[in-house]
């Protein structure tokens, strides 16, 4: 967990006003700890991503929620794919080969 001042010291480009706006817009969701905002490691990573999108890639404020939503969906899809892969690996070889064949055939017949 990281406090606001520590976060501002760690990410030199981060502006307090931007962080406050992102919190109010719920682009990042801090936790309350004895009346102070703290950020989990995941939220700190999200803030770094938002800083990159905003300060380096010049993503417009109005587009930022859309970009983050798409990235969230991509991350969720990636996590589901990892879960599916783990589940497939627990199956016997016959099932694994059948799944591999079915997914290979599916790609061949798409138009």
Protein backbone atom coordinates (compact mmCIF):
# COMPACT_ATOMS: atom_id res chain seq x y z
CA UNK A 1 0.00 0.00 0.00
CA UNK A 2 1.25 3.43 -0.87
CA UNK A 3 0.15 6.81 0.44
CA UNK A 4 -0.51 9.75 -1.87
CA UNK A 5 2.69 11.62 -0.96
CA UNK A 6 4.80 8.49 -1.47
CA UNK A 7 3.13 7.91 -4.81
CA UNK A 8 3.82 11.49 -5.90
CA UNK A 9 7.47 11.10 -4.87
CA UNK A 10 7.79 7.77 -6.70
CA UNK A 11 6.21 8.88 -9.99
CA UNK A 12 7.89 12.17 -10.77
CA UNK A 13 5.55 13.13 -13.63
CA UNK A 14 2.42 12.59 -11.55
CA UNK A 15 0.56 15.75 -10.61
CA UNK A 16 -1.56 15.78 -7.44
CA UNK A 17 -4.42 17.50 -9.27
CA UNK A 18 -4.44 14.78 -11.93
CA UNK A 19 -4.43 12.03 -9.31
CA UNK A 20 -7.31 13.69 -7.46
CA UNK A 21 -9.27 13.96 -10.72
CA UNK A 22 -8.62 10.29 -11.59
CA UNK A 23 -9.83 9.28 -8.13
CA UNK A 24 -12.98 11.44 -8.43
CA UNK A 25 -13.65 9.95 -11.88
CA UNK A 26 -13.06 6.48 -10.40
CA UNK A 27 -10.33 5.66 -12.91
CA UNK A 28 -8.35 4.54 -9.86
CA UNK A 29 -9.89 3.35 -6.62
CA UNK A 30 -7.84 3.96 -3.48
CA UNK A 31 -8.54 2.53 -0.06
CA UNK A 32 -9.11 4.60 3.05
CA UNK A 33 -6.58 4.03 5.83
CA UNK A 34 -7.20 6.12 8.96
CA UNK A 35 -8.65 8.94 6.88
CA UNK A 36 -5.85 8.89 4.28
CA UNK A 37 -5.97 7.50 0.78
CA UNK A 38 -3.70 4.54 0.06
CA UNK A 39 -3.15 2.67 -3.16
CA UNK A 40 -2.59 -1.05 -3.64
CA UNK A 41 0.21 -2.31 -5.87
CA UNK A 42 -2.38 -2.92 -8.60
CA UNK A 43 -3.72 0.63 -8.34
CA UNK A 44 -0.15 2.00 -8.38
CA UNK A 45 0.49 0.09 -11.59
CA UNK A 46 -2.76 1.48 -13.02
CA UNK A 47 -1.67 5.02 -12.09
CA UNK A 48 1.66 4.45 -13.86
CA UNK A 49 -0.26 3.27 -16.93
CA UNK A 50 -2.52 6.32 -16.81
CA UNK A 51 0.55 8.55 -16.49
CA UNK A 52 2.08 6.93 -19.57
CA UNK A 53 -1.16 7.29 -21.52
CA UNK A 54 -1.65 10.89 -20.42
CA UNK A 55 1.83 12.40 -20.24
CA UNK A 56 3.73 10.41 -22.87
CA UNK A 57 1.10 9.27 -25.36
CA UNK A 58 -1.11 12.36 -25.04
CA UNK A 59 -4.33 10.38 -24.71
CA UNK A 60 -7.13 12.93 -24.32
CA UNK A 61 -8.95 13.10 -20.97
CA UNK A 62 -12.24 12.23 -22.65
CA UNK A 63 -10.70 9.17 -24.35
CA UNK A 64 -8.90 7.93 -21.23
CA UNK A 65 -11.89 6.08 -19.70
CA UNK A 66 -12.52 4.33 -23.02
CA UNK A 67 -8.88 3.28 -23.39
CA UNK A 68 -8.77 2.03 -19.80
CA UNK A 69 -12.02 0.12 -20.26
CA UNK A 70 -10.63 -1.60 -23.36
CA UNK A 71 -7.39 -2.42 -21.54
CA UNK A 72 -9.40 -3.80 -18.60
CA UNK A 73 -11.37 -6.01 -21.00
CA UNK A 74 -8.15 -7.20 -22.62
CA UNK A 75 -6.64 -7.99 -19.22
CA UNK A 76 -9.77 -9.90 -18.19
CA UNK A 77 -9.73 -11.88 -21.45
CA UNK A 78 -6.06 -12.68 -20.93
CA UNK A 79 -6.75 -13.92 -17.37
CA UNK A 80 -9.60 -16.10 -18.66
CA UNK A 81 -7.34 -17.53 -21.34
CA UNK A 82 -4.69 -18.39 -18.74
CA UNK A 83 -7.36 -20.09 -16.60
CA UNK A 84 -8.62 -22.04 -19.60
CA UNK A 85 -5.07 -23.07 -20.50
CA UNK A 86 -4.46 -24.30 -16.94
CA UNK A 87 -7.73 -26.25 -17.03
CA UNK A 88 -6.83 -27.86 -20.36
CA UNK A 89 -3.43 -28.90 -19.02
CA UNK A 90 -5.16 -30.88 -16.26
CA UNK A 91 -7.01 -33.00 -18.83
CA UNK A 92 -5.70 -36.24 -20.24
CA UNK A 93 -3.75 -36.15 -23.49
CA UNK A 94 -6.70 -37.31 -25.61
CA UNK A 95 -8.81 -34.37 -24.48
CA UNK A 96 -5.90 -31.95 -24.94
CA UNK A 97 -5.35 -33.19 -28.50
CA UNK A 98 -9.07 -32.95 -29.28
CA UNK A 99 -9.16 -29.35 -28.03
CA UNK A 100 -6.03 -28.49 -30.04
CA UNK A 101 -7.53 -30.04 -33.18
CA UNK A 102 -10.85 -28.24 -32.69
CA UNK A 103 -9.22 -24.86 -32.20
CA UNK A 104 -6.91 -25.37 -35.20
CA UNK A 105 -9.84 -26.36 -37.42
CA UNK A 106 -11.85 -23.36 -36.25
CA UNK A 107 -9.16 -20.98 -37.48
CA UNK A 108 -9.03 -22.62 -40.90
CA UNK A 109 -12.73 -22.21 -41.63
CA UNK A 110 -13.22 -18.59 -40.61
CA UNK A 111 -13.98 -16.19 -43.38
